[in-house]
C-alpha atoms as a PDB file:
ATOM      1  CA  MET A   1     -38.358 -14.483  -2.862  1.00  0.00           C
ATOM      2  CA  ASP A   2     -35.368 -13.713  -4.488  1.00  0.00           C
ATOM      3  CA  LYS A   3     -33.887  -9.619  -3.168  1.00  0.00           C
ATOM      4  CA  LYS A   4     -32.077  -7.919  -5.759  1.00  0.00           C
ATOM      5  CA  GLN A   5     -28.685  -5.909  -5.119  1.00  0.00           C
ATOM      6  CA  THR A   6     -28.597  -2.531  -5.522  1.00  0.00           C
ATOM      7  CA  THR A   7     -25.298  -1.090  -5.708  1.00  0.00           C
ATOM      8  CA  ALA A   8     -24.380   2.628  -4.850  1.00  0.00           C
ATOM      9  CA  THR A   9     -23.200   4.971  -7.536  1.00  0.00           C
ATOM     10  CA  CYS A  10     -21.016   7.957  -6.997  1.00  0.00           C
ATOM     11  CA  PRO A  11     -23.088  10.328  -7.917  1.00  0.00           C
ATOM     12  CA  LYS A  12     -20.879  13.101  -9.225  1.00  0.00           C
ATOM     13  CA  CYS A  13     -18.994  10.198 -11.688  1.00  0.00           C
ATOM     14  CA  GLY A  14     -20.996   7.239 -11.273  1.00  0.00           C
ATOM     15  CA  GLU A  15     -18.105   4.902 -10.312  1.00  0.00           C
ATOM     16  CA  GLU A  16     -18.932   2.604  -7.963  1.00  0.00           C
ATOM     17  CA  ILE A  17     -18.632   2.887  -4.452  1.00  0.00           C
ATOM     18  CA  VAL A  18     -15.906   1.100  -2.776  1.00  0.00           C
ATOM     19  CA  GLN A  19     -15.561  -0.221   0.798  1.00  0.00           C
ATOM     20  CA  CYS A  20     -12.352   0.289   2.665  1.00  0.00           C
ATOM     21  CA  GLU A  21     -11.140  -2.704   4.045  1.00  0.00           C
ATOM     22  CA  ASN A  22      -9.234  -1.694   7.132  1.00  0.00           C
ATOM     23  CA  CYS A  23     -11.862   0.710   8.911  1.00  0.00           C
ATOM     24  CA  GLU A  24     -15.076   0.235   6.461  1.00  0.00           C
ATOM     25  CA  ASN A  25     -15.515   3.761   5.326  1.00  0.00           C
ATOM     26  CA  THR A  26     -17.194   3.996   2.480  1.00  0.00           C
ATOM     27  CA  GLY A  27     -16.391   6.850  -1.178  1.00  0.00           C
ATOM     28  CA  CYS A  28     -16.133   6.710  -4.458  1.00  0.00           C
ATOM     29  CA  PRO A  29     -12.598   5.443  -5.710  1.00  0.00           C
ATOM     30  CA  ASP A  30     -11.658   8.100  -8.002  1.00  0.00           C
ATOM     31  CA  CYS A  31     -13.701  11.759  -6.397  1.00  0.00           C
ATOM     32  CA  ASP A  32     -12.445  10.308  -2.648  1.00  0.00           C
ATOM     33  CA  GLY A  33      -9.343   8.796  -3.053  1.00  0.00           C
ATOM     34  CA  PHE A  34      -9.397   5.384  -2.061  1.00  0.00           C
ATOM     35  CA  VAL A  35      -5.876   3.838  -2.986  1.00  0.00           C
ATOM     36  CA  VAL A  36      -5.836  -0.093  -4.107  1.00  0.00           C
ATOM     37  CA  THR A  37      -2.557  -1.920  -3.126  1.00  0.00           C
ATOM     38  CA  ARG A  38      -1.266  -4.255  -5.511  1.00  0.00           C
ATOM     39  CA  ASP A  39      -2.674  -6.757  -3.281  1.00  0.00           C
ATOM     40  CA  ASP A  40      -5.777  -5.603  -4.526  1.00  0.00           C
ATOM     41  CA  VAL A  41      -7.199  -4.140  -1.117  1.00  0.00           C
ATOM     42  CA  ILE A  42      -8.966  -0.863  -1.110  1.00  0.00           C
ATOM     43  CA  LEU A  43      -8.071   1.366   1.483  1.00  0.00           C
ATOM     44  CA  CYS A  44      -9.537   4.053   2.296  1.00  0.00           C
ATOM     45  CA  PRO A  45      -7.395   7.948   2.111  1.00  0.00           C
ATOM     46  CA  GLU A  46      -6.934   7.703   6.288  1.00  0.00           C
ATOM     47  CA  CYS A  47      -6.313   4.256   6.422  1.00  0.00           C
ATOM     48  CA  ALA A  48      -4.031   4.838   3.506  1.00  0.00           C
ATOM     49  CA  ALA A  49      -2.126   7.549   4.999  1.00  0.00           C
ATOM     50  CA  ALA A  50      -1.637   5.157   8.455  1.00  0.00           C
ATOM     51  CA  CYS A  51      -0.375   2.693   6.436  1.00  0.00           C
ATOM     52  CA  LYS A  52       2.243   4.340   4.208  1.00  0.00           C
ATOM     53  CA  GLU A  53       3.707   6.663   8.063  1.00  0.00           C
ATOM     54  CA  ASP A  54       3.688   2.759   9.529  1.00  0.00           C
ATOM     55  CA  CYS A  55       5.873   1.055   6.395  1.00  0.00           C
ATOM     56  CA  ASP A  56       7.759   4.860   6.425  1.00  0.00           C
ATOM     57  CA  LYS A  57       8.479   3.781   9.766  1.00  0.00           C
ATOM     58  CA  MET A  58       9.858   0.042   9.240  1.00  0.00           C
ATOM     59  CA  ARG A  59      11.724   1.646   5.919  1.00  0.00           C
ATOM     60  CA  ALA A  60      13.917   3.750   8.259  1.00  0.00           C
ATOM     61  CA  ILE A  61      15.275   0.691  10.424  1.00  0.00           C
ATOM     62  CA  GLY A  62      15.081  -2.464   7.278  1.00  0.00           C
ATOM     63  CA  CYS A  63      16.572  -2.788   4.566  1.00  0.00           C
ATOM     64  CA  GLY A  64      14.465   0.264   3.243  1.00  0.00           C
ATOM     65  CA  SER A  65      17.551   2.257   4.629  1.00  0.00           C
ATOM     66  CA  CYS A  66      20.050  -0.110   2.722  1.00  0.00           C
ATOM     67  CA  ALA A  67      22.666   1.131   0.933  1.00  0.00           C
ATOM     68  CA  LEU A  68      22.298  -2.358  -1.347  1.00  0.00           C
ATOM     69  CA  PHE A  69      18.581  -1.644  -1.445  1.00  0.00           C
ATOM     70  CA  ALA A  70      17.497  -0.933  -5.258  1.00  0.00           C
ATOM     71  CA  ASP A  71      14.865  -0.705  -7.429  1.00  0.00           C
ATOM     72  CA  GLU A  72      12.047  -0.240  -5.065  1.00  0.00           C
ATOM     73  CA  ASP A  73       8.655   0.236  -6.014  1.00  0.00           C
ATOM     74  CA  ASP A  74       4.998   1.649  -4.849  1.00  0.00           C
ATOM     75  CA  GLU A  75       4.795  -1.292  -2.043  1.00  0.00           C
ATOM     76  CA  GLY A  76       8.202  -1.132  -0.551  1.00  0.00           C
ATOM     77  CA  GLN A  77       8.980  -4.428  -2.849  1.00  0.00           C
ATOM     78  CA  GLY A  78      13.196  -4.473  -4.396  1.00  0.00           C
ATOM     79  CA  TRP A  79      16.078  -6.567  -5.404  1.00  0.00           C
ATOM     80  CA  CYS A  80      18.937  -6.905  -2.706  1.00  0.00           C
ATOM     81  CA  GLU A  81      22.924  -5.719  -4.628  1.00  0.00           C
ATOM     82  CA  LEU A  82      24.247  -7.982  -1.773  1.00  0.00           C
ATOM     83  CA  HIS A  83      22.110 -11.520  -2.018  1.00  0.00           C
ATOM     84  CA  GLN A  84      21.014 -10.776  -5.659  1.00  0.00           C
ATOM     85  CA  GLU A  85      17.666 -11.210  -4.711  1.00  0.00           C
ATOM     86  CA  SER A  86      14.026  -9.495  -4.120  1.00  0.00           C
ATOM     87  CA  VAL A  87      13.166  -8.590  -0.268  1.00  0.00           C
ATOM     88  CA  CYS A  88      11.020  -5.899   0.868  1.00  0.00           C
ATOM     89  CA  PHE A  89      11.578  -3.310   2.259  1.00  0.00           C
ATOM     90  CA  ILE A  90      10.899  -4.178   5.783  1.00  0.00           C
ATOM     91  CA  ASP A  91      12.814  -7.029   6.368  1.00  0.00           C
ATOM     92  CA  LYS A  92      16.550  -6.471   7.608  1.00  0.00           C
ATOM     93  CA  CYS A  93      20.393  -8.571   7.553  1.00  0.00           C
ATOM     94  CA  SER A  94      23.441  -8.482   9.262  1.00  0.00           C
ATOM     95  CA  ASP A  95      24.577  -7.396   5.839  1.00  0.00           C
ATOM     96  CA  ARG A  96      23.240  -3.788   6.059  1.00  0.00           C
ATOM     97  CA  ILE A  97      25.261  -0.890   4.604  1.00  0.00           C
ATOM     98  CA  SER A  98      23.442   2.694   5.768  1.00  0.00           C
ATOM     99  CA  LYS A  99      22.386   4.864   3.110  1.00  0.00           C
ATOM    100  CA  GLY A 100      23.776   8.524   2.921  1.00  0.00           C
END
């Protein structure tokens, strides 16, 4: 006998309920503030905030703190003006020039 899969929906807006890929909490992507990353990873607000906090700490010591790091996007990818290549904010090299 085949079982029909049912999809839970948000009672407020009708969107499909999603599950955080980090902690497995569930919620509505619109009403509950779930975040979908560029890599299509679904995070609840708490996990997204913890991830941002960790990223901010890494940004302070990596390329993200270099004056030659430009055009950073929301996920920490940017352009190294010195090496003329795409880099992530957590990368670092010996040529780093501190911002400010």
